[in-house]
Amino acid sequence: MRKIILLSIFYLFVNNCYSKEYPGEYFTNSNDTIRCMINVKVNIIYKDLINPLSCKYSVKIIEIEGGKKKLTPHQIKGFRIENTSEGVMIFESVTIENKGTFFVQKLEEGEITLYKYFYPHGYDYSVQFHYLVKKENEYCFLHLFGFRKALSKYIKDNEEIYQSLTNKEYNYKNIQEVIELYNNTND
C-alpha cells in the first residue's frame, strides 16, 4: 500500500510541476483572433507532452506586449497551441448541461464535430478522455461501452457508414476515422 501511495505522489509530481510556453492564439467571444504565447503544464520527463487537464477550466496567456492573464471558457471561445508533439492542438469552450463549461480538444469539424473531453482517473489521477460529439448543437459523450449505439443516431443518415458501424467494422479507436469519413461524404 505504501508503494502505491508513493508512486501516486510521484506520478502527480511528474505530470503537474513543469510548464512550458507555446506559440498560439486565442479566439475572443467577439470573433477576434489574438496571437500570444500559451503557458500549459507538461510532463516533466516528456517535456513536449501537454497535460490537457491543466487547461480544462482556464488557460494562461502571455500577450505579445508582455501582459499575462488567465482566461476561462466563459471569457473566450477557445485557443490554439502550436508546435506541440501532437502538432497543432485546438481547444474550444463548450457548455454541457449538468456538466458545466470547460475547454475540450477539437479533433474534427464538420456536420459532426468531434472532441476529446479530458478528466483525471479516479485512482491515480492520470489523464483519461472520452470522445464527445456535437451535431446540430446537441452534445453526446461516447464511452467505450455503448459508443456504437450512441454514435449511430448521429450517422444514421449515411447508410454505408451506419451499417459499417453497427456491423462492428469500427471500434472505439476508430471514432475519429468514422467522423472524418462521415463529414467528407456528407459535404
C-alpha atoms as a PDB file:
ATOM      1  CA  MET A   1       0.000   0.000   0.000  1.00  0.00           C
ATOM      2  CA  ARG A   2       2.840   2.355   0.858  1.00  0.00           C
ATOM      3  CA  LYS A   3       4.442   1.788  -2.572  1.00  0.00           C
ATOM      4  CA  ILE A   4       1.169   2.632  -4.299  1.00  0.00           C
ATOM      5  CA  ILE A   5       0.832   5.881  -2.383  1.00  0.00           C
ATOM      6  CA  LEU A   6       4.451   6.870  -3.103  1.00  0.00           C
ATOM      7  CA  LEU A   7       4.082   6.005  -6.788  1.00  0.00           C
ATOM      8  CA  SER A   8       0.852   8.013  -6.986  1.00  0.00           C
ATOM      9  CA  ILE A   9       2.516  11.044  -5.393  1.00  0.00           C
ATOM     10  CA  PHE A  10       5.493  10.718  -7.762  1.00  0.00           C
ATOM     11  CA  TYR A  11       3.153  10.421 -10.747  1.00  0.00           C
ATOM     12  CA  LEU A  12       1.281  13.557  -9.716  1.00  0.00           C
ATOM     13  CA  PHE A  13       4.594  15.388  -9.312  1.00  0.00           C
ATOM     14  CA  VAL A  14       5.888  14.246 -12.699  1.00  0.00           C
ATOM     15  CA  ASN A  15       2.702  15.243 -14.500  1.00  0.00           C
ATOM     16  CA  ASN A  16       1.954  18.555 -12.858  1.00  0.00           C
ATOM     17  CA  CYS A  17       5.014  20.525 -11.864  1.00  0.00           C
ATOM     18  CA  TYR A  18       6.554  21.713 -15.122  1.00  0.00           C
ATOM     19  CA  SER A  19       5.051  24.231 -17.516  1.00  0.00           C
ATOM     20  CA  LYS A  20       6.087  25.407 -20.944  1.00  0.00           C
ATOM     21  CA  GLU A  21       5.168  28.272 -23.253  1.00  0.00           C
ATOM     22  CA  TYR A  22       3.958  27.584 -26.778  1.00  0.00           C
ATOM     23  CA  PRO A  23       3.107  29.999 -29.576  1.00  0.00           C
ATOM     24  CA  GLY A  24      -0.576  30.175 -30.302  1.00  0.00           C
ATOM     25  CA  GLU A  25      -3.675  32.301 -30.353  1.00  0.00           C
ATOM     26  CA  TYR A  26      -6.969  32.652 -28.588  1.00  0.00           C
ATOM     27  CA  PHE A  27     -10.409  33.393 -30.001  1.00  0.00           C
ATOM     28  CA  THR A  28     -12.481  36.047 -28.271  1.00  0.00           C
ATOM     29  CA  ASN A  29     -16.246  35.902 -27.872  1.00  0.00           C
ATOM     30  CA  SER A  30     -16.437  38.751 -30.392  1.00  0.00           C
ATOM     31  CA  ASN A  31     -14.634  36.558 -33.003  1.00  0.00           C
ATOM     32  CA  ASP A  32     -11.218  38.261 -32.816  1.00  0.00           C
ATOM     33  CA  THR A  33      -8.074  36.136 -33.047  1.00  0.00           C
ATOM     34  CA  ILE A  34      -5.253  37.286 -30.768  1.00  0.00           C
ATOM     35  CA  ARG A  35      -1.677  35.990 -31.222  1.00  0.00           C
ATOM     36  CA  CYS A  36       0.030  35.131 -27.934  1.00  0.00           C
ATOM     37  CA  MET A  37       2.114  32.616 -26.054  1.00  0.00           C
ATOM     38  CA  ILE A  38       0.202  29.960 -24.130  1.00  0.00           C
ATOM     39  CA  ASN A  39       1.560  28.550 -20.880  1.00  0.00           C
ATOM     40  CA  VAL A  40       0.467  24.978 -20.122  1.00  0.00           C
ATOM     41  CA  LYS A  41       1.676  22.240 -17.815  1.00  0.00           C
ATOM     42  CA  VAL A  42       3.694  19.486 -19.420  1.00  0.00           C
ATOM     43  CA  ASN A  43       5.140  16.205 -18.295  1.00  0.00           C
ATOM     44  CA  ILE A  44       8.478  16.732 -16.529  1.00  0.00           C
ATOM     45  CA  ILE A  45      10.054  13.729 -18.281  1.00  0.00           C
ATOM     46  CA  TYR A  46       8.418  14.115 -21.709  1.00  0.00           C
ATOM     47  CA  LYS A  47       8.583  17.899 -21.858  1.00  0.00           C
ATOM     48  CA  ASP A  48       6.559  18.140 -25.077  1.00  0.00           C
ATOM     49  CA  LEU A  49       3.655  16.117 -23.730  1.00  0.00           C
ATOM     50  CA  ILE A  50       0.962  18.609 -22.723  1.00  0.00           C
ATOM     51  CA  ASN A  51      -1.238  17.833 -19.745  1.00  0.00           C
ATOM     52  CA  PRO A  52      -4.673  18.804 -21.132  1.00  0.00           C
ATOM     53  CA  LEU A  53      -6.165  18.810 -17.631  1.00  0.00           C
ATOM     54  CA  SER A  54      -4.089  21.904 -16.876  1.00  0.00           C
ATOM     55  CA  CYS A  55      -6.145  23.912 -19.364  1.00  0.00           C
ATOM     56  CA  LYS A  56      -9.596  22.383 -18.889  1.00  0.00           C
ATOM     57  CA  TYR A  57     -11.008  25.251 -16.808  1.00  0.00           C
ATOM     58  CA  SER A  58      -8.577  28.077 -17.593  1.00  0.00           C
ATOM     59  CA  VAL A  59      -5.597  28.876 -19.779  1.00  0.00           C
ATOM     60  CA  LYS A  60      -2.645  31.144 -19.049  1.00  0.00           C
ATOM     61  CA  ILE A  61      -1.985  33.666 -21.818  1.00  0.00           C
ATOM     62  CA  ILE A  62       1.121  35.803 -22.322  1.00  0.00           C
ATOM     63  CA  GLU A  63       0.271  38.618 -24.695  1.00  0.00           C
ATOM     64  CA  ILE A  64       2.734  39.866 -27.311  1.00  0.00           C
ATOM     65  CA  GLU A  65       3.103  43.119 -25.331  1.00  0.00           C
ATOM     66  CA  GLY A  66       4.102  41.060 -22.281  1.00  0.00           C
ATOM     67  CA  GLY A  67       0.912  41.167 -20.233  1.00  0.00           C
ATOM     68  CA  LYS A  68      -0.228  37.940 -18.572  1.00  0.00           C
ATOM     69  CA  LYS A  69      -3.755  36.791 -17.889  1.00  0.00           C
ATOM     70  CA  LYS A  70      -5.739  33.701 -17.087  1.00  0.00           C
ATOM     71  CA  LEU A  71      -8.776  33.137 -19.301  1.00  0.00           C
ATOM     72  CA  THR A  72     -11.709  30.826 -18.631  1.00  0.00           C
ATOM     73  CA  PRO A  73     -14.093  29.097 -21.050  1.00  0.00           C
ATOM     74  CA  HIS A  74     -16.681  31.787 -20.245  1.00  0.00           C
ATOM     75  CA  GLN A  75     -14.323  34.554 -21.389  1.00  0.00           C
ATOM     76  CA  ILE A  76     -13.143  33.131 -24.741  1.00  0.00           C
ATOM     77  CA  LYS A  77     -14.390  30.763 -27.450  1.00  0.00           C
ATOM     78  CA  GLY A  78     -11.188  28.770 -27.440  1.00  0.00           C
ATOM     79  CA  PHE A  79      -7.489  28.720 -28.144  1.00  0.00           C
ATOM     80  CA  ARG A  80      -4.906  27.094 -30.386  1.00  0.00           C
ATOM     81  CA  ILE A  81      -1.487  25.797 -29.336  1.00  0.00           C
ATOM     82  CA  GLU A  82       1.200  25.374 -31.998  1.00  0.00           C
ATOM     83  CA  ASN A  83       4.447  23.376 -32.145  1.00  0.00           C
ATOM     84  CA  THR A  84       3.404  20.631 -29.716  1.00  0.00           C
ATOM     85  CA  SER A  85       4.471  17.000 -30.010  1.00  0.00           C
ATOM     86  CA  GLU A  86       0.961  16.369 -31.438  1.00  0.00           C
ATOM     87  CA  GLY A  87       1.213  19.287 -33.864  1.00  0.00           C
ATOM     88  CA  VAL A  88      -1.422  21.989 -33.599  1.00  0.00           C
ATOM     89  CA  MET A  89      -3.933  21.482 -30.782  1.00  0.00           C
ATOM     90  CA  ILE A  90      -7.220  23.388 -30.802  1.00  0.00           C
ATOM     91  CA  PHE A  91      -9.327  23.713 -27.672  1.00  0.00           C
ATOM     92  CA  GLU A  92     -12.887  25.006 -27.744  1.00  0.00           C
ATOM     93  CA  SER A  93     -15.145  26.211 -24.970  1.00  0.00           C
ATOM     94  CA  VAL A  94     -18.269  24.089 -24.588  1.00  0.00           C
ATOM     95  CA  THR A  95     -21.150  24.163 -22.132  1.00  0.00           C
ATOM     96  CA  ILE A  96     -22.880  20.907 -21.363  1.00  0.00           C
ATOM     97  CA  GLU A  97     -25.957  20.741 -19.216  1.00  0.00           C
ATOM     98  CA  ASN A  98     -25.264  19.218 -15.792  1.00  0.00           C
ATOM     99  CA  LYS A  99     -21.502  19.178 -16.505  1.00  0.00           C
ATOM    100  CA  GLY A 100     -20.582  22.853 -16.784  1.00  0.00           C
ATOM    101  CA  THR A 101     -18.386  24.905 -19.107  1.00  0.00           C
ATOM    102  CA  PHE A 102     -14.857  23.803 -19.960  1.00  0.00           C
ATOM    103  CA  PHE A 103     -12.304  23.522 -22.749  1.00  0.00           C
ATOM    104  CA  VAL A 104     -12.224  20.361 -24.869  1.00  0.00           C
ATOM    105  CA  GLN A 105      -9.785  19.435 -27.622  1.00  0.00           C
ATOM    106  CA  LYS A 106     -11.304  19.689 -31.103  1.00  0.00           C
ATOM    107  CA  LEU A 107     -10.319  16.791 -33.365  1.00  0.00           C
ATOM    108  CA  GLU A 108     -12.699  17.095 -36.329  1.00  0.00           C
ATOM    109  CA  GLU A 109     -15.038  19.814 -37.510  1.00  0.00           C
ATOM    110  CA  GLY A 110     -17.930  19.421 -39.903  1.00  0.00           C
ATOM    111  CA  GLU A 111     -21.555  18.355 -39.784  1.00  0.00           C
ATOM    112  CA  ILE A 112     -20.432  16.348 -36.761  1.00  0.00           C
ATOM    113  CA  THR A 113     -17.721  17.893 -34.601  1.00  0.00           C
ATOM    114  CA  LEU A 114     -15.550  15.517 -32.586  1.00  0.00           C
ATOM    115  CA  TYR A 115     -13.818  16.463 -29.340  1.00  0.00           C
ATOM    116  CA  LYS A 116     -11.779  14.857 -26.590  1.00  0.00           C
ATOM    117  CA  TYR A 117     -13.109  15.530 -23.101  1.00  0.00           C
ATOM    118  CA  PHE A 118     -10.291  15.064 -20.577  1.00  0.00           C
ATOM    119  CA  TYR A 119     -10.714  14.059 -16.946  1.00  0.00           C
ATOM    120  CA  PRO A 120      -8.466  12.624 -14.202  1.00  0.00           C
ATOM    121  CA  HIS A 121      -8.560   8.896 -13.492  1.00  0.00           C
ATOM    122  CA  GLY A 122     -10.285   8.292 -10.172  1.00  0.00           C
ATOM    123  CA  TYR A 123      -7.444   6.204  -8.755  1.00  0.00           C
ATOM    124  CA  ASP A 124      -4.128   7.679  -9.883  1.00  0.00           C
ATOM    125  CA  TYR A 125      -5.220  10.977 -11.489  1.00  0.00           C
ATOM    126  CA  SER A 126      -3.663  10.074 -14.822  1.00  0.00           C
ATOM    127  CA  VAL A 127      -5.167  11.809 -17.839  1.00  0.00           C
ATOM    128  CA  GLN A 128      -8.155   9.967 -19.317  1.00  0.00           C
ATOM    129  CA  PHE A 129     -10.587  11.002 -22.037  1.00  0.00           C
ATOM    130  CA  HIS A 130     -13.951  10.302 -23.572  1.00  0.00           C
ATOM    131  CA  TYR A 131     -14.933  11.319 -27.052  1.00  0.00           C
ATOM    132  CA  LEU A 132     -17.608  13.972 -27.310  1.00  0.00           C
ATOM    133  CA  VAL A 133     -19.610  14.626 -30.486  1.00  0.00           C
ATOM    134  CA  LYS A 134     -21.742  17.597 -31.448  1.00  0.00           C
ATOM    135  CA  LYS A 135     -24.327  17.670 -34.199  1.00  0.00           C
ATOM    136  CA  GLU A 136     -26.885  20.456 -34.576  1.00  0.00           C
ATOM    137  CA  ASN A 137     -25.872  21.924 -31.176  1.00  0.00           C
ATOM    138  CA  GLU A 138     -26.555  18.633 -29.377  1.00  0.00           C
ATOM    139  CA  TYR A 139     -23.668  17.057 -27.452  1.00  0.00           C
ATOM    140  CA  CYS A 140     -23.195  13.382 -26.685  1.00  0.00           C
ATOM    141  CA  PHE A 141     -20.402  11.601 -24.803  1.00  0.00           C
ATOM    142  CA  LEU A 142     -19.121   8.426 -26.420  1.00  0.00           C
ATOM    143  CA  HIS A 143     -17.980   5.930 -23.808  1.00  0.00           C
ATOM    144  CA  LEU A 144     -16.064   2.746 -24.576  1.00  0.00           C
ATOM    145  CA  PHE A 145     -19.090   0.602 -23.877  1.00  0.00           C
ATOM    146  CA  GLY A 146     -22.154   1.662 -25.830  1.00  0.00           C
ATOM    147  CA  PHE A 147     -20.449   4.081 -28.226  1.00  0.00           C
ATOM    148  CA  ARG A 148     -21.919   2.369 -31.305  1.00  0.00           C
ATOM    149  CA  LYS A 149     -25.486   2.886 -30.130  1.00  0.00           C
ATOM    150  CA  ALA A 150     -24.805   6.496 -29.126  1.00  0.00           C
ATOM    151  CA  LEU A 151     -22.954   7.377 -32.349  1.00  0.00           C
ATOM    152  CA  SER A 152     -25.353   5.535 -34.668  1.00  0.00           C
ATOM    153  CA  LYS A 153     -28.151   8.038 -34.056  1.00  0.00           C
ATOM    154  CA  TYR A 154     -25.898  10.818 -35.398  1.00  0.00           C
ATOM    155  CA  ILE A 155     -24.775   8.996 -38.541  1.00  0.00           C
ATOM    156  CA  LYS A 156     -27.925   7.063 -39.480  1.00  0.00           C
ATOM    157  CA  ASP A 157     -28.480   9.375 -42.473  1.00  0.00           C
ATOM    158  CA  ASN A 158     -25.370   7.845 -44.114  1.00  0.00           C
ATOM    159  CA  GLU A 159     -26.399   4.236 -44.682  1.00  0.00           C
ATOM    160  CA  GLU A 160     -22.947   2.907 -45.645  1.00  0.00           C
ATOM    161  CA  ILE A 161     -21.146   4.280 -42.556  1.00  0.00           C
ATOM    162  CA  TYR A 162     -24.109   3.404 -40.330  1.00  0.00           C
ATOM    163  CA  GLN A 163     -24.023  -0.241 -41.469  1.00  0.00           C
ATOM    164  CA  SER A 164     -20.242  -0.435 -41.067  1.00  0.00           C
ATOM    165  CA  LEU A 165     -20.540   0.877 -37.509  1.00  0.00           C
ATOM    166  CA  THR A 166     -23.412  -1.403 -36.488  1.00  0.00           C
ATOM    167  CA  ASN A 167     -21.652  -4.407 -38.109  1.00  0.00           C
ATOM    168  CA  LYS A 168     -18.699  -3.681 -35.797  1.00  0.00           C
ATOM    169  CA  GLU A 169     -16.256  -2.843 -38.581  1.00  0.00           C
ATOM    170  CA  TYR A 170     -15.158   0.122 -36.469  1.00  0.00           C
ATOM    171  CA  ASN A 171     -14.091   0.112 -32.840  1.00  0.00           C
ATOM    172  CA  TYR A 172     -13.638   2.866 -30.243  1.00  0.00           C
ATOM    173  CA  LYS A 173     -10.148   3.674 -31.528  1.00  0.00           C
ATOM    174  CA  ASN A 174     -11.614   4.388 -34.996  1.00  0.00           C
ATOM    175  CA  ILE A 175     -14.116   7.049 -33.917  1.00  0.00           C
ATOM    176  CA  GLN A 176     -12.100   9.896 -35.418  1.00  0.00           C
ATOM    177  CA  GLU A 177     -11.862   7.996 -38.708  1.00  0.00           C
ATOM    178  CA  VAL A 178     -15.647   7.397 -38.698  1.00  0.00           C
ATOM    179  CA  ILE A 179     -16.419  11.093 -38.086  1.00  0.00           C
ATOM    180  CA  GLU A 180     -13.913  12.237 -40.709  1.00  0.00           C
ATOM    181  CA  LEU A 181     -15.406   9.806 -43.263  1.00  0.00           C
ATOM    182  CA  TYR A 182     -18.940  10.924 -42.383  1.00  0.00           C
ATOM    183  CA  ASN A 183     -18.082  14.623 -42.711  1.00  0.00           C
ATOM    184  CA  ASN A 184     -16.257  14.090 -46.028  1.00  0.00           C
ATOM    185  CA  THR A 185     -19.080  12.060 -47.608  1.00  0.00           C
ATOM    186  CA  ASN A 186     -21.848  14.379 -46.399  1.00  0.00           C
ATOM    187  CA  ASP A 187     -20.326  17.603 -47.778  1.00  0.00           C
END
